[in-house]
Amino acid sequence: MSIQPCLTQPGSTTPAASLHRFLGTKAAAAYSGIPAGTLRAWRCQGVGPKFYKPRGRALYDIADLDEFIRSGIRVSSVRASREERNVYLPAG
């Protein structure tokens, strides 16, 4: 499946190359790896990535999806504990 972003501003039907790229729910799911049903449920619950809803259609800005994905990055507990043990704290 090829993801074709919509180059329009929310609430506008005029394409503009300088504006952010937006994806519908199915394309956002394919792009992010988050199931479309989960994105829909999160919208109803008020959680998940930011979305815009011009004319009743949910659109996701690719930059917002990237930000949401990055916000979930965590360091594994094993790695974190190793890094904490290697921290030098001066006495005093």
N, C-alpha and C. Protein backbone atom coordinates (compact mmCIF):
# COMPACT_ATOMS: atom_id res chain seq x y z
N MET A 1 0.84 -1.18 0.00
CA MET A 1 0.00 0.00 0.00
C MET A 1 0.88 1.24 0.00
N SER A 2 0.65 2.12 -0.92
CA SER A 2 1.42 3.36 -1.02
C SER A 2 0.69 4.45 -0.24
N ILE A 3 1.43 5.16 0.59
CA ILE A 3 0.85 6.24 1.39
C ILE A 3 0.97 7.52 0.59
N GLN A 4 -0.15 8.12 0.26
CA GLN A 4 -0.19 9.37 -0.47
C GLN A 4 -0.71 10.46 0.45
N PRO A 5 0.16 11.29 1.02
CA PRO A 5 -0.31 12.34 1.91
C PRO A 5 -1.10 13.40 1.17
N CYS A 6 -2.04 13.96 1.86
CA CYS A 6 -2.87 15.03 1.33
C CYS A 6 -2.18 16.35 1.65
N LEU A 7 -1.86 17.13 0.64
CA LEU A 7 -1.15 18.40 0.86
C LEU A 7 -2.14 19.55 0.96
N THR A 8 -3.01 19.50 1.97
CA THR A 8 -3.95 20.59 2.19
C THR A 8 -3.94 20.98 3.64
N GLN A 9 -4.33 22.19 3.89
CA GLN A 9 -4.45 22.68 5.25
C GLN A 9 -5.80 22.21 5.80
N PRO A 10 -5.88 21.88 7.11
CA PRO A 10 -7.16 21.47 7.66
C PRO A 10 -8.22 22.54 7.39
N GLY A 11 -9.37 22.10 6.89
CA GLY A 11 -10.45 23.02 6.60
C GLY A 11 -10.35 23.65 5.22
N SER A 12 -9.32 23.30 4.47
CA SER A 12 -9.11 23.88 3.15
C SER A 12 -9.01 22.76 2.12
N THR A 13 -9.42 23.03 0.90
CA THR A 13 -9.28 22.04 -0.16
C THR A 13 -8.25 22.47 -1.18
N THR A 14 -7.53 23.55 -0.89
CA THR A 14 -6.53 24.07 -1.81
C THR A 14 -5.16 23.45 -1.51
N PRO A 15 -4.60 22.70 -2.47
CA PRO A 15 -3.26 22.13 -2.23
C PRO A 15 -2.22 23.24 -2.12
N ALA A 16 -1.25 23.02 -1.26
CA ALA A 16 -0.15 23.97 -1.12
C ALA A 16 1.08 23.20 -0.66
N ALA A 17 2.15 23.24 -1.44
CA ALA A 17 3.35 22.47 -1.14
C ALA A 17 4.02 22.93 0.14
N SER A 18 3.80 24.18 0.56
CA SER A 18 4.47 24.69 1.74
C SER A 18 3.79 24.28 3.04
N LEU A 19 2.61 23.69 2.96
CA LEU A 19 1.88 23.30 4.17
C LEU A 19 2.28 21.90 4.61
N HIS A 20 1.93 21.55 5.87
CA HIS A 20 2.25 20.23 6.40
C HIS A 20 1.45 19.16 5.66
N ARG A 21 1.99 17.97 5.68
CA ARG A 21 1.32 16.85 5.03
C ARG A 21 0.37 16.18 6.01
N PHE A 22 -0.80 15.79 5.54
CA PHE A 22 -1.81 15.17 6.36
C PHE A 22 -2.17 13.80 5.81
N LEU A 23 -2.47 12.86 6.73
CA LEU A 23 -2.86 11.51 6.35
C LEU A 23 -4.22 11.20 6.97
N GLY A 24 -5.04 10.44 6.23
CA GLY A 24 -6.28 9.93 6.78
C GLY A 24 -5.98 8.85 7.81
N THR A 25 -7.02 8.33 8.45
CA THR A 25 -6.83 7.36 9.53
C THR A 25 -6.11 6.10 9.05
N LYS A 26 -6.52 5.53 7.92
CA LYS A 26 -5.90 4.29 7.44
C LYS A 26 -4.43 4.52 7.06
N ALA A 27 -4.15 5.63 6.39
CA ALA A 27 -2.78 5.94 6.00
C ALA A 27 -1.93 6.24 7.23
N ALA A 28 -2.52 6.93 8.23
CA ALA A 28 -1.79 7.22 9.47
C ALA A 28 -1.47 5.92 10.21
N ALA A 29 -2.40 4.97 10.16
CA ALA A 29 -2.16 3.67 10.79
C ALA A 29 -1.02 2.94 10.09
N ALA A 30 -1.01 2.96 8.77
CA ALA A 30 0.06 2.30 8.02
C ALA A 30 1.40 2.99 8.28
N TYR A 31 1.40 4.30 8.36
CA TYR A 31 2.62 5.07 8.57
C TYR A 31 3.20 4.83 9.96
N SER A 32 2.33 4.83 10.98
CA SER A 32 2.79 4.77 12.37
C SER A 32 2.88 3.36 12.94
N GLY A 33 2.19 2.42 12.32
CA GLY A 33 2.15 1.07 12.87
C GLY A 33 1.11 0.92 13.98
N ILE A 34 0.33 1.96 14.22
CA ILE A 34 -0.74 1.92 15.21
C ILE A 34 -2.02 1.53 14.47
N PRO A 35 -2.72 0.48 14.89
CA PRO A 35 -3.92 0.07 14.18
C PRO A 35 -4.95 1.20 14.06
N ALA A 36 -5.67 1.22 12.94
CA ALA A 36 -6.67 2.27 12.69
C ALA A 36 -7.73 2.28 13.79
N GLY A 37 -8.14 1.11 14.25
CA GLY A 37 -9.13 1.03 15.33
C GLY A 37 -8.63 1.66 16.61
N THR A 38 -7.34 1.51 16.89
CA THR A 38 -6.74 2.13 18.08
C THR A 38 -6.74 3.64 17.93
N LEU A 39 -6.40 4.14 16.74
CA LEU A 39 -6.43 5.59 16.51
C LEU A 39 -7.84 6.13 16.72
N ARG A 40 -8.86 5.40 16.20
CA ARG A 40 -10.24 5.84 16.37
C ARG A 40 -10.63 5.86 17.85
N ALA A 41 -10.27 4.79 18.58
CA ALA A 41 -10.60 4.71 20.00
C ALA A 41 -9.91 5.83 20.77
N TRP A 42 -8.65 6.08 20.47
CA TRP A 42 -7.91 7.14 21.15
C TRP A 42 -8.55 8.50 20.90
N ARG A 43 -9.04 8.72 19.67
CA ARG A 43 -9.71 10.01 19.39
C ARG A 43 -10.91 10.18 20.30
N CYS A 44 -11.70 9.12 20.48
CA CYS A 44 -12.89 9.19 21.34
C CYS A 44 -12.51 9.39 22.80
N GLN A 45 -11.37 8.84 23.21
CA GLN A 45 -10.91 8.93 24.60
C GLN A 45 -10.12 10.21 24.87
N GLY A 46 -9.79 10.94 23.82
CA GLY A 46 -9.03 12.18 23.98
C GLY A 46 -7.55 11.95 24.22
N VAL A 47 -7.02 10.82 23.77
CA VAL A 47 -5.59 10.52 23.91
C VAL A 47 -5.03 10.22 22.53
N GLY A 48 -3.74 9.96 22.46
CA GLY A 48 -3.12 9.62 21.17
C GLY A 48 -2.58 10.84 20.47
N PRO A 49 -2.17 10.66 19.21
CA PRO A 49 -1.60 11.78 18.46
C PRO A 49 -2.64 12.84 18.15
N LYS A 50 -2.16 14.08 17.98
CA LYS A 50 -3.06 15.17 17.59
C LYS A 50 -3.69 14.85 16.25
N PHE A 51 -4.92 15.30 16.06
CA PHE A 51 -5.59 15.12 14.78
C PHE A 51 -6.46 16.34 14.49
N TYR A 52 -6.80 16.49 13.25
CA TYR A 52 -7.66 17.58 12.79
C TYR A 52 -8.88 16.94 12.15
N LYS A 53 -10.03 17.60 12.26
CA LYS A 53 -11.23 16.99 11.71
C LYS A 53 -12.03 17.99 10.87
N PRO A 54 -11.45 18.38 9.72
CA PRO A 54 -12.21 19.27 8.84
C PRO A 54 -13.29 18.47 8.10
N ARG A 55 -14.49 18.99 8.08
CA ARG A 55 -15.61 18.35 7.37
C ARG A 55 -15.84 16.90 7.80
N GLY A 56 -15.57 16.60 9.08
CA GLY A 56 -15.88 15.29 9.62
C GLY A 56 -14.86 14.19 9.36
N ARG A 57 -13.79 14.48 8.66
CA ARG A 57 -12.77 13.47 8.35
C ARG A 57 -11.53 13.73 9.19
N ALA A 58 -11.11 12.72 9.95
CA ALA A 58 -9.93 12.87 10.80
C ALA A 58 -8.67 12.84 9.95
N LEU A 59 -7.81 13.83 10.14
CA LEU A 59 -6.53 13.90 9.44
C LEU A 59 -5.41 14.05 10.46
N TYR A 60 -4.30 13.38 10.19
CA TYR A 60 -3.14 13.42 11.07
C TYR A 60 -1.98 14.07 10.33
N ASP A 61 -1.36 15.05 10.97
CA ASP A 61 -0.16 15.69 10.43
C ASP A 61 1.00 14.72 10.66
N ILE A 62 1.80 14.47 9.65
CA ILE A 62 2.91 13.53 9.78
C ILE A 62 3.87 13.98 10.88
N ALA A 63 4.09 15.27 11.02
CA ALA A 63 4.98 15.77 12.07
C ALA A 63 4.41 15.43 13.46
N ASP A 64 3.08 15.52 13.62
CA ASP A 64 2.45 15.17 14.90
C ASP A 64 2.57 13.67 15.18
N LEU A 65 2.43 12.85 14.14
CA LEU A 65 2.60 11.41 14.32
C LEU A 65 4.03 11.09 14.75
N ASP A 66 5.00 11.72 14.08
CA ASP A 66 6.41 11.50 14.44
C ASP A 66 6.68 11.91 15.88
N GLU A 67 6.13 13.05 16.28
CA GLU A 67 6.32 13.55 17.65
C GLU A 67 5.70 12.58 18.66
N PHE A 68 4.50 12.08 18.36
CA PHE A 68 3.83 11.14 19.26
C PHE A 68 4.64 9.86 19.40
N ILE A 69 5.17 9.36 18.29
CA ILE A 69 5.96 8.13 18.32
C ILE A 69 7.23 8.36 19.14
N ARG A 70 7.92 9.49 18.92
CA ARG A 70 9.14 9.79 19.67
C ARG A 70 8.85 9.94 21.16
N SER A 71 7.69 10.46 21.52
CA SER A 71 7.37 10.66 22.93
C SER A 71 7.24 9.34 23.68
N GLY A 72 7.06 8.25 22.96
CA GLY A 72 6.92 6.94 23.59
C GLY A 72 8.22 6.17 23.69
N ILE A 73 9.33 6.75 23.24
CA ILE A 73 10.61 6.06 23.28
C ILE A 73 11.10 6.01 24.73
N ARG A 74 11.43 4.81 25.16
CA ARG A 74 11.91 4.61 26.52
C ARG A 74 13.22 3.84 26.49
N VAL A 75 14.04 4.03 27.51
CA VAL A 75 15.28 3.28 27.66
C VAL A 75 14.95 2.03 28.47
N SER A 76 15.42 0.88 28.02
CA SER A 76 15.12 -0.35 28.76
C SER A 76 15.68 -0.27 30.17
N SER A 77 15.04 -0.95 31.10
CA SER A 77 15.46 -0.87 32.49
C SER A 77 16.87 -1.42 32.69
N VAL A 78 17.26 -2.42 31.91
CA VAL A 78 18.61 -2.97 32.02
C VAL A 78 19.63 -1.92 31.59
N ARG A 79 19.39 -1.28 30.47
CA ARG A 79 20.31 -0.26 29.98
C ARG A 79 20.36 0.92 30.94
N ALA A 80 19.20 1.34 31.44
CA ALA A 80 19.14 2.49 32.35
C ALA A 80 19.91 2.20 33.62
N SER A 81 19.78 0.99 34.16
CA SER A 81 20.50 0.67 35.40
C SER A 81 22.00 0.62 35.17
N ARG A 82 22.43 0.14 34.00
CA ARG A 82 23.86 0.13 33.68
C ARG A 82 24.39 1.55 33.58
N GLU A 83 23.63 2.43 32.94
CA GLU A 83 24.06 3.82 32.79
C GLU A 83 24.12 4.53 34.14
N GLU A 84 23.18 4.22 35.02
CA GLU A 84 23.18 4.84 36.35
C GLU A 84 24.40 4.42 37.16
N ARG A 85 24.82 3.15 37.04
CA ARG A 85 25.98 2.66 37.79
C ARG A 85 27.28 3.27 37.29
N ASN A 86 27.31 3.69 36.03
CA ASN A 86 28.53 4.25 35.45
C ASN A 86 28.63 5.76 35.63
N VAL A 87 27.71 6.36 36.33
CA VAL A 87 27.72 7.80 36.54
C VAL A 87 28.68 8.12 37.68
N TYR A 88 29.57 9.06 37.45
CA TYR A 88 30.53 9.47 38.47
C TYR A 88 29.95 10.65 39.23
N LEU A 89 29.82 10.49 40.52
CA LEU A 89 29.34 11.58 41.37
C LEU A 89 30.48 11.98 42.30
N PRO A 90 30.94 13.21 42.21
CA PRO A 90 32.04 13.65 43.08
C PRO A 90 31.60 13.70 44.53
N ALA A 91 32.51 13.34 45.43
CA ALA A 91 32.21 13.37 46.86
C ALA A 91 32.22 14.82 47.33
N GLY A 92 31.37 15.13 48.23
CA GLY A 92 31.48 16.47 48.74
C GLY A 92 30.25 17.02 49.21
